[in-house]
Amino acid sequence: MIPSLVFAFIAVISIAAAIAVYLDASKQERCALGLWPIWWAAATLVTNLVGVAVYWAIHHSTLKPKSGETPVS
């Protein structure tokens, strides 16, 4: 009984995270790596919170170049 509750909890968290990433990615002018929002959501659904962390690091952290700045290659 307990393992199925844990699985259900993780599934709900994963789905909620994927929806949140999809909605946020839909608001972005241009998503990193040229990925459409649905691909970011799918990656988040598969990788769970790791996907959320990667999405945040690319789109909302100080790693993201400011508008008008060219990224360092």
N, C-alpha and C. Protein backbone atom coordinates (compact mmCIF):
# COMPACT_ATOMS: atom_id res chain seq x y z
N MET A 1 0.83 -1.20 0.00
CA MET A 1 0.00 0.00 0.00
C MET A 1 0.87 1.26 0.00
N ILE A 2 1.86 1.32 0.85
CA ILE A 2 2.71 2.50 0.96
C ILE A 2 3.48 2.75 -0.35
N PRO A 3 4.09 1.71 -0.98
CA PRO A 3 4.81 1.99 -2.23
C PRO A 3 3.90 2.57 -3.32
N SER A 4 2.65 2.13 -3.38
CA SER A 4 1.75 2.67 -4.41
C SER A 4 1.39 4.12 -4.10
N LEU A 5 1.31 4.48 -2.83
CA LEU A 5 1.05 5.88 -2.47
C LEU A 5 2.25 6.76 -2.84
N VAL A 6 3.44 6.25 -2.60
CA VAL A 6 4.66 6.99 -2.96
C VAL A 6 4.72 7.17 -4.47
N PHE A 7 4.44 6.09 -5.21
CA PHE A 7 4.44 6.18 -6.68
C PHE A 7 3.40 7.20 -7.16
N ALA A 8 2.22 7.19 -6.57
CA ALA A 8 1.17 8.14 -6.97
C ALA A 8 1.60 9.58 -6.66
N PHE A 9 2.23 9.78 -5.52
CA PHE A 9 2.71 11.11 -5.14
C PHE A 9 3.77 11.60 -6.13
N ILE A 10 4.73 10.73 -6.47
CA ILE A 10 5.78 11.11 -7.43
C ILE A 10 5.18 11.38 -8.80
N ALA A 11 4.20 10.60 -9.21
CA ALA A 11 3.55 10.81 -10.50
C ALA A 11 2.84 12.16 -10.54
N VAL A 12 2.14 12.51 -9.47
CA VAL A 12 1.43 13.80 -9.41
C VAL A 12 2.44 14.95 -9.47
N ILE A 13 3.53 14.84 -8.71
CA ILE A 13 4.56 15.89 -8.72
C ILE A 13 5.18 16.02 -10.11
N SER A 14 5.47 14.90 -10.77
CA SER A 14 6.07 14.93 -12.11
C SER A 14 5.14 15.58 -13.12
N ILE A 15 3.87 15.23 -13.07
CA ILE A 15 2.90 15.81 -14.01
C ILE A 15 2.73 17.30 -13.75
N ALA A 16 2.65 17.69 -12.48
CA ALA A 16 2.52 19.11 -12.15
C ALA A 16 3.75 19.90 -12.61
N ALA A 17 4.94 19.33 -12.42
CA ALA A 17 6.16 19.99 -12.86
C ALA A 17 6.19 20.14 -14.37
N ALA A 18 5.79 19.10 -15.09
CA ALA A 18 5.77 19.16 -16.55
C ALA A 18 4.79 20.22 -17.05
N ILE A 19 3.64 20.31 -16.43
CA ILE A 19 2.66 21.33 -16.81
C ILE A 19 3.21 22.73 -16.54
N ALA A 20 3.84 22.90 -15.38
CA ALA A 20 4.40 24.21 -15.04
C ALA A 20 5.50 24.61 -16.02
N VAL A 21 6.36 23.67 -16.38
CA VAL A 21 7.43 23.96 -17.35
C VAL A 21 6.82 24.29 -18.71
N TYR A 22 5.82 23.54 -19.12
CA TYR A 22 5.17 23.81 -20.41
C TYR A 22 4.57 25.22 -20.44
N LEU A 23 3.86 25.59 -19.40
CA LEU A 23 3.24 26.92 -19.36
C LEU A 23 4.29 28.02 -19.37
N ASP A 24 5.37 27.84 -18.61
CA ASP A 24 6.42 28.84 -18.58
C ASP A 24 7.15 28.90 -19.92
N ALA A 25 7.43 27.75 -20.51
CA ALA A 25 8.13 27.73 -21.80
C ALA A 25 7.27 28.37 -22.90
N SER A 26 5.96 28.25 -22.78
CA SER A 26 5.06 28.86 -23.76
C SER A 26 5.13 30.39 -23.71
N LYS A 27 5.50 30.94 -22.55
CA LYS A 27 5.59 32.39 -22.40
C LYS A 27 6.94 32.94 -22.86
N GLN A 28 7.93 32.09 -23.03
CA GLN A 28 9.27 32.54 -23.42
C GLN A 28 9.26 32.99 -24.88
N GLU A 29 10.02 34.04 -25.17
CA GLU A 29 10.16 34.49 -26.56
C GLU A 29 10.80 33.39 -27.40
N ARG A 30 11.86 32.84 -26.86
CA ARG A 30 12.61 31.82 -27.57
C ARG A 30 13.16 30.86 -26.53
N CYS A 31 12.81 29.61 -26.67
CA CYS A 31 13.30 28.61 -25.71
C CYS A 31 14.72 28.20 -26.09
N ALA A 32 15.48 27.89 -25.08
CA ALA A 32 16.86 27.48 -25.29
C ALA A 32 16.92 26.18 -26.07
N LEU A 33 18.00 26.03 -26.78
CA LEU A 33 18.25 24.85 -27.60
C LEU A 33 17.24 24.69 -28.73
N GLY A 34 16.40 25.68 -28.93
CA GLY A 34 15.43 25.63 -30.02
C GLY A 34 14.32 24.61 -29.79
N LEU A 35 14.15 24.18 -28.55
CA LEU A 35 13.12 23.19 -28.26
C LEU A 35 11.76 23.85 -28.05
N TRP A 36 10.74 23.24 -28.59
CA TRP A 36 9.38 23.73 -28.38
C TRP A 36 8.97 23.42 -26.95
N PRO A 37 8.00 24.16 -26.42
CA PRO A 37 7.56 23.94 -25.04
C PRO A 37 7.14 22.50 -24.74
N ILE A 38 6.52 21.83 -25.70
CA ILE A 38 6.08 20.45 -25.46
C ILE A 38 7.26 19.52 -25.22
N TRP A 39 8.40 19.81 -25.87
CA TRP A 39 9.60 18.98 -25.65
C TRP A 39 10.21 19.23 -24.28
N TRP A 40 10.16 20.48 -23.82
CA TRP A 40 10.62 20.76 -22.46
C TRP A 40 9.74 20.05 -21.45
N ALA A 41 8.43 20.05 -21.68
CA ALA A 41 7.51 19.37 -20.78
C ALA A 41 7.77 17.86 -20.79
N ALA A 42 7.99 17.29 -21.96
CA ALA A 42 8.25 15.85 -22.05
C ALA A 42 9.56 15.49 -21.33
N ALA A 43 10.58 16.32 -21.51
CA ALA A 43 11.85 16.07 -20.83
C ALA A 43 11.67 16.15 -19.32
N THR A 44 10.87 17.09 -18.87
CA THR A 44 10.61 17.23 -17.44
C THR A 44 9.81 16.04 -16.92
N LEU A 45 8.87 15.57 -17.70
CA LEU A 45 8.06 14.42 -17.28
C LEU A 45 8.93 13.17 -17.14
N VAL A 46 9.87 13.00 -18.05
CA VAL A 46 10.73 11.82 -18.02
C VAL A 46 11.80 11.91 -16.93
N THR A 47 12.38 13.10 -16.76
CA THR A 47 13.50 13.23 -15.82
C THR A 47 13.09 13.80 -14.47
N ASN A 48 11.83 14.09 -14.30
CA ASN A 48 11.28 14.61 -13.04
C ASN A 48 11.93 15.94 -12.65
N LEU A 49 12.38 16.06 -11.42
CA LEU A 49 12.87 17.34 -10.93
C LEU A 49 14.22 17.73 -11.54
N VAL A 50 14.94 16.78 -12.10
CA VAL A 50 16.18 17.11 -12.81
C VAL A 50 15.84 17.97 -14.02
N GLY A 51 14.77 17.64 -14.73
CA GLY A 51 14.34 18.43 -15.87
C GLY A 51 13.95 19.84 -15.48
N VAL A 52 13.29 19.98 -14.34
CA VAL A 52 12.92 21.31 -13.84
C VAL A 52 14.18 22.11 -13.53
N ALA A 53 15.16 21.48 -12.91
CA ALA A 53 16.40 22.17 -12.57
C ALA A 53 17.15 22.61 -13.82
N VAL A 54 17.22 21.76 -14.82
CA VAL A 54 17.89 22.12 -16.08
C VAL A 54 17.15 23.25 -16.77
N TYR A 55 15.83 23.16 -16.84
CA TYR A 55 15.03 24.21 -17.46
C TYR A 55 15.26 25.54 -16.76
N TRP A 56 15.20 25.52 -15.42
CA TRP A 56 15.40 26.75 -14.65
C TRP A 56 16.80 27.32 -14.89
N ALA A 57 17.81 26.46 -14.88
CA ALA A 57 19.19 26.93 -15.06
C ALA A 57 19.37 27.59 -16.42
N ILE A 58 18.73 27.05 -17.43
CA ILE A 58 18.88 27.61 -18.78
C ILE A 58 18.04 28.87 -18.97
N HIS A 59 16.84 28.91 -18.41
CA HIS A 59 15.92 30.01 -18.70
C HIS A 59 15.82 31.11 -17.64
N HIS A 60 16.09 30.80 -16.40
CA HIS A 60 15.82 31.78 -15.35
C HIS A 60 16.99 32.09 -14.43
N SER A 61 18.10 31.41 -14.58
CA SER A 61 19.24 31.69 -13.70
C SER A 61 20.13 32.75 -14.32
N THR A 62 21.22 33.05 -13.66
CA THR A 62 22.17 34.03 -14.19
C THR A 62 22.98 33.45 -15.35
N LEU A 63 22.80 32.18 -15.66
CA LEU A 63 23.46 31.58 -16.82
C LEU A 63 22.85 32.08 -18.13
N LYS A 64 21.60 32.51 -18.07
CA LYS A 64 20.91 32.97 -19.27
C LYS A 64 21.47 34.33 -19.66
N PRO A 65 21.87 34.49 -20.95
CA PRO A 65 22.34 35.80 -21.39
C PRO A 65 21.23 36.83 -21.34
N LYS A 66 21.56 38.05 -20.99
CA LYS A 66 20.57 39.12 -20.99
C LYS A 66 20.18 39.45 -22.43
N SER A 67 19.00 39.99 -22.61
CA SER A 67 18.56 40.29 -23.98
C SER A 67 19.53 41.28 -24.63
N GLY A 68 19.88 40.99 -25.87
CA GLY A 68 20.82 41.84 -26.59
C GLY A 68 22.26 41.38 -26.45
N GLU A 69 22.51 40.50 -25.48
CA GLU A 69 23.86 39.98 -25.27
C GLU A 69 24.02 38.72 -26.11
N THR A 70 25.21 38.54 -26.66
CA THR A 70 25.46 37.31 -27.37
C THR A 70 26.11 36.32 -26.42
N PRO A 71 25.66 35.06 -26.45
CA PRO A 71 26.23 34.08 -25.55
C PRO A 71 27.69 33.79 -25.89
N VAL A 72 28.46 33.49 -24.89
CA VAL A 72 29.87 33.15 -25.10
C VAL A 72 29.95 31.75 -25.65
N SER A 73 30.76 31.58 -26.72
CA SER A 73 30.88 30.24 -27.26
C SER A 73 32.24 29.65 -27.06
